[in-house]
Protein backbone atom coordinates (compact mmCIF):
# COMPACT_ATOMS: atom_id res chain seq x y z
CA UNK A 1 30.22 11.77 -22.07
CA UNK A 2 31.14 8.78 -20.04
CA UNK A 3 29.81 10.07 -17.31
CA UNK A 4 26.33 11.24 -19.16
CA UNK A 5 26.05 7.60 -20.96
CA UNK A 6 26.97 5.81 -16.73
CA UNK A 7 24.08 7.93 -15.23
CA UNK A 8 21.88 7.36 -18.47
CA UNK A 9 21.92 3.85 -17.00
CA UNK A 10 21.36 3.90 -13.46
CA UNK A 11 18.20 6.80 -14.99
CA UNK A 12 16.94 3.78 -16.90
CA UNK A 13 17.30 1.34 -13.95
CA UNK A 14 15.00 3.91 -12.10
CA UNK A 15 12.51 4.72 -15.01
CA UNK A 16 11.90 1.03 -14.84
CA UNK A 17 10.44 -1.09 -12.71
CA UNK A 18 12.95 -4.20 -13.95
CA UNK A 19 15.11 -1.57 -12.23
CA UNK A 20 14.01 -2.73 -8.42
CA UNK A 21 14.72 -6.96 -9.85
CA UNK A 22 18.11 -5.42 -10.68
CA UNK A 23 18.82 -4.74 -7.08
CA UNK A 24 16.97 -7.37 -5.99
CA UNK A 25 20.25 -9.48 -7.23
CA UNK A 26 22.35 -6.59 -5.70
CA UNK A 27 21.62 -7.31 -2.93
CA UNK A 28 21.44 -10.36 -2.56
CA UNK A 29 24.38 -10.67 -3.92
CA UNK A 30 26.23 -7.75 -1.57
CA UNK A 31 24.81 -9.16 1.54
CA UNK A 32 24.77 -13.17 1.13
CA UNK A 33 28.34 -13.36 -0.65
CA UNK A 34 31.05 -10.22 -0.40
CA UNK A 35 30.11 -9.05 3.29
CA UNK A 36 29.95 -12.75 4.50
CA UNK A 37 33.29 -13.41 2.07
CA UNK A 38 34.84 -10.29 1.64
CA UNK A 39 33.53 -8.01 4.14
CA UNK A 40 37.04 -7.33 6.25
CA UNK A 41 38.29 -6.26 3.41
CA UNK A 42 37.64 -2.52 3.66
CA UNK A 43 38.38 -1.38 -0.25
CA UNK A 44 36.20 -3.75 -0.66
CA UNK A 45 33.25 -2.32 1.21
CA UNK A 46 33.95 0.87 0.56
CA UNK A 47 33.56 -0.14 -3.43
CA UNK A 48 30.40 -1.24 -2.56
CA UNK A 49 29.57 2.21 -1.27
CA UNK A 50 30.08 4.04 -3.43
CA UNK A 51 28.32 1.94 -6.64
CA UNK A 52 25.39 2.11 -4.23
CA UNK A 53 25.43 6.01 -4.00
CA UNK A 54 25.85 5.77 -7.20
CA UNK A 55 22.43 4.12 -7.94
CA UNK A 56 21.28 5.88 -4.98
CA UNK A 57 21.83 9.41 -6.75
CA UNK A 58 20.47 8.52 -10.13
CA UNK A 59 17.71 7.31 -8.38
CA UNK A 60 17.00 11.07 -7.01
CA UNK A 61 17.63 12.85 -9.76
CA UNK A 62 15.07 10.66 -11.66
CA UNK A 63 12.55 10.73 -8.49
CA UNK A 64 12.54 14.04 -7.21
CA UNK A 65 10.41 16.63 -8.19
CA UNK A 66 13.14 20.10 -8.84
CA UNK A 67 16.59 19.67 -8.98
CA UNK A 68 17.09 22.33 -6.08
CA UNK A 69 16.13 19.60 -3.96
CA UNK A 70 17.57 16.33 -5.70
CA UNK A 71 21.04 18.40 -5.67
CA UNK A 72 20.04 19.59 -1.69
CA UNK A 73 19.04 15.44 -0.96
CA UNK A 74 22.55 14.30 -2.65
CA UNK A 75 24.17 15.90 -0.13
CA UNK A 76 23.92 12.68 2.32
CA UNK A 77 25.17 10.25 0.33
CA UNK A 78 27.94 11.57 -0.74
CA UNK A 79 29.40 12.43 2.83
CA UNK A 80 28.57 8.78 2.95
CA UNK A 81 30.99 8.06 0.69
CA UNK A 82 33.61 10.86 1.53
CA UNK A 83 33.69 10.20 5.69
CA UNK A 84 33.48 6.48 4.96
CA UNK A 85 36.32 6.67 3.36
CA UNK A 86 38.23 8.98 5.34
CA UNK A 87 37.44 5.89 8.19
CA UNK A 88 39.27 3.30 6.93
CA UNK A 89 42.44 5.95 7.62
CA UNK A 90 40.66 7.96 10.75
CA UNK A 91 39.14 5.77 13.50
CA UNK A 92 38.64 8.70 16.09
CA UNK A 93 34.89 8.69 17.75
CA UNK A 94 33.81 12.09 15.73
CA UNK A 95 34.89 10.14 12.07
CA UNK A 96 32.56 6.59 13.71
CA UNK A 97 29.25 8.58 14.56
CA UNK A 98 29.42 10.32 11.32
CA UNK A 99 29.74 7.71 9.57
CA UNK A 100 27.21 5.62 11.78
CA UNK A 101 24.44 8.66 11.18
CA UNK A 102 25.04 8.72 7.89
CA UNK A 103 25.12 4.98 6.77
CA UNK A 104 21.63 5.12 8.02
CA UNK A 105 20.44 8.59 6.48
CA UNK A 106 21.97 7.21 3.01
CA UNK A 107 19.77 3.74 4.11
CA UNK A 108 17.05 5.28 5.22
CA UNK A 109 16.91 7.60 2.03
CA UNK A 110 17.56 4.20 -0.49
CA UNK A 111 14.53 2.85 1.48
CA UNK A 112 12.07 6.21 1.04
CA UNK A 113 13.17 6.15 -3.17
CA UNK A 114 12.08 1.72 -3.54
CA UNK A 115 9.10 2.53 -1.67
CA UNK A 116 8.00 5.87 -3.82
CA UNK A 117 8.55 2.81 -6.91
CA UNK A 118 6.32 0.44 -5.62
CA UNK A 119 3.38 2.17 -3.88
CA UNK A 120 3.69 4.75 -7.33
CA UNK A 121 0.01 4.80 -8.91
CA UNK A 122 -0.35 1.94 -11.71
CA UNK A 123 -1.86 -2.17 -11.61
CA UNK A 124 0.40 -4.20 -8.34
CA UNK A 125 2.64 -6.14 -10.87
CA UNK A 126 5.88 -9.05 -9.73
CA UNK A 127 7.98 -5.72 -9.87
CA UNK A 128 6.42 -3.86 -7.38
CA UNK A 129 6.56 -7.69 -5.00
CA UNK A 130 10.28 -7.51 -5.78
CA UNK A 131 10.65 -3.81 -4.87
CA UNK A 132 8.54 -4.88 -1.10
CA UNK A 133 11.24 -8.05 -0.42
CA UNK A 134 14.52 -5.31 -1.36
CA UNK A 135 13.25 -2.86 1.06
CA UNK A 136 13.00 -5.90 3.42
CA UNK A 137 16.22 -6.59 3.07
CA UNK A 138 17.32 -2.66 3.21
CA UNK A 139 15.85 -3.36 6.79
CA UNK A 140 18.14 -6.18 7.65
CA UNK A 141 20.89 -4.32 6.29
CA UNK A 142 20.04 -0.66 8.73
CA UNK A 143 19.14 -2.64 11.57
CA UNK A 144 22.45 -4.84 11.42
CA UNK A 145 23.98 -1.53 11.45
CA UNK A 146 23.23 -0.17 14.27
CA UNK A 147 24.16 -3.37 16.05
CA UNK A 148 27.19 -2.59 15.34
CA UNK A 149 27.80 0.57 16.25
CA UNK A 150 26.03 -0.52 19.77
CA UNK A 151 27.78 -3.38 20.29
CA UNK A 152 31.21 -0.58 19.62
CA UNK A 153 30.25 1.82 21.82
CA UNK A 154 28.63 -0.13 24.52
CA UNK A 155 30.90 -2.87 26.02
CA UNK A 156 28.76 -6.22 26.14
CA UNK A 157 26.33 -4.94 25.07
CA UNK A 158 26.26 -8.37 23.15
CA UNK A 159 27.16 -11.59 24.14
CA UNK A 160 28.73 -13.25 20.62
CA UNK A 161 30.92 -15.80 20.18
CA UNK A 162 33.17 -14.97 16.97
CA UNK A 163 33.21 -17.93 14.80
CA UNK A 164 36.94 -19.60 14.42
CA UNK A 165 36.92 -18.89 10.01
CA UNK A 166 39.77 -16.83 8.67
CA UNK A 167 37.66 -14.38 6.63
CA UNK A 168 35.05 -13.52 9.44
CA UNK A 169 33.78 -9.86 9.91
CA UNK A 170 31.23 -7.64 13.02
CA UNK A 171 29.41 -6.66 9.61
CA UNK A 172 28.68 -10.12 8.49
CA UNK A 173 27.96 -11.59 12.06
CA UNK A 174 25.80 -8.48 12.69
CA UNK A 175 23.80 -8.89 9.52
CA UNK A 176 23.87 -12.35 9.82
CA UNK A 177 21.87 -11.50 13.77
CA UNK A 178 19.64 -8.92 11.82
CA UNK A 179 18.59 -11.56 9.45
CA UNK A 180 17.59 -14.26 12.17
CA UNK A 181 15.97 -11.28 14.06
CA UNK A 182 13.91 -9.94 11.51
CA UNK A 183 12.18 -12.89 10.50
CA UNK A 184 12.06 -14.06 14.05
CA UNK A 185 14.60 -17.13 13.33
CA UNK A 186 15.95 -16.57 16.26
CA UNK A 187 19.44 -19.07 16.86
CA UNK A 188 20.68 -17.66 19.80
CA UNK A 189 24.44 -17.50 18.80
CA UNK A 190 24.07 -13.58 19.50
CA UNK A 191 22.22 -12.45 22.38
CA UNK A 192 21.43 -9.13 22.95
CA UNK A 193 22.34 -7.93 26.80
CA UNK A 194 22.49 -4.04 27.20
CA UNK A 195 18.74 -2.99 27.53
CA UNK A 196 19.05 -0.62 24.73
CA UNK A 197 20.75 -3.26 22.52
CA UNK A 198 17.30 -5.53 23.11
CA UNK A 199 14.65 -2.33 22.04
CA UNK A 200 16.84 -2.33 18.94
CA UNK A 201 16.21 -6.05 18.87
CA UNK A 202 12.83 -6.04 19.24
CA UNK A 203 11.64 -3.25 17.44
CA UNK A 204 13.30 -5.23 14.24
CA UNK A 205 11.14 -8.18 15.53
CA UNK A 206 8.50 -6.63 15.46
CA UNK A 207 8.51 -4.96 12.50
CA UNK A 208 9.61 -8.18 10.54
CA UNK A 209 6.60 -9.37 11.78
CA UNK A 210 3.84 -6.56 10.70
CA UNK A 211 5.49 -5.72 7.53
CA UNK A 212 4.26 -8.63 5.18
CA UNK A 213 0.98 -8.24 6.55
CA UNK A 214 0.67 -4.15 6.22
CA UNK A 215 2.41 -4.71 3.27
CA UNK A 216 0.03 -7.36 1.74
CA UNK A 217 -2.62 -5.59 2.65
CA UNK A 218 -1.50 -2.14 1.05
CA UNK A 219 -0.54 -3.87 -2.38
CA UNK A 220 -3.60 -6.48 -2.53
CA UNK A 221 -6.25 -2.72 -1.71
CA UNK A 222 -4.11 -0.96 -4.62
CA UNK A 223 -4.91 -3.94 -6.65
CA UNK A 224 -8.89 -3.26 -6.07
CA UNK A 225 -9.03 0.10 -6.31
CA UNK A 226 -9.50 1.15 -9.97
CA UNK A 227 -7.51 3.22 -12.34
CA UNK A 228 -9.05 6.77 -11.86
CA UNK A 229 -7.32 7.86 -14.91
CA UNK A 230 -9.67 5.20 -17.00
CA UNK A 231 -12.66 6.46 -15.55
CA UNK A 232 -11.96 9.35 -16.93
CA UNK A 233 -10.76 8.60 -19.82
């Protein structure tokens, strides 16, 4: 009964457009409070992953057309949490790679579900704009994971000086680097040196420039398109 109520709560967030506002608030708390100040606590990171996976599972079952398809897709977030928990105790190369792949897959899945809400039929509202900001922040999160993996896998890929603060983590530093890259600010404290690292930085910078332009054009186009359902009536 408790589990059913929990999923009804999360499904309600996906069924209503104001659920996108809830996601935006949660992302702000996670990106600008939890990760910068408490990112070094592994168990807290796992707790955040579990919360987002519950949100993601609810979105899968709320937006997918068939239960069979939803069950198949839901394997990704379940494995994401499982491997994330194992990585706390096992740092073998296989677990690290699996955690990286599943993290990327889970984020891409969440981005896809949010975009489905942003571009679903209906009038363009403030909540769709909020959803587009959510996608923007999720993409920054996705690239930060890529940068962290490159840094740990390729020696010397980035030149980075870690700030001398106790509450400091690589996750927080590369999330910060991702935000200044996607906004094309570029303060220069973290420098990509490896060709692959530079390619990823270039791709994120291009995305950061083109995404708002393309998205605004799409939303404006949708707002000027007459509602077919109304015309039929």
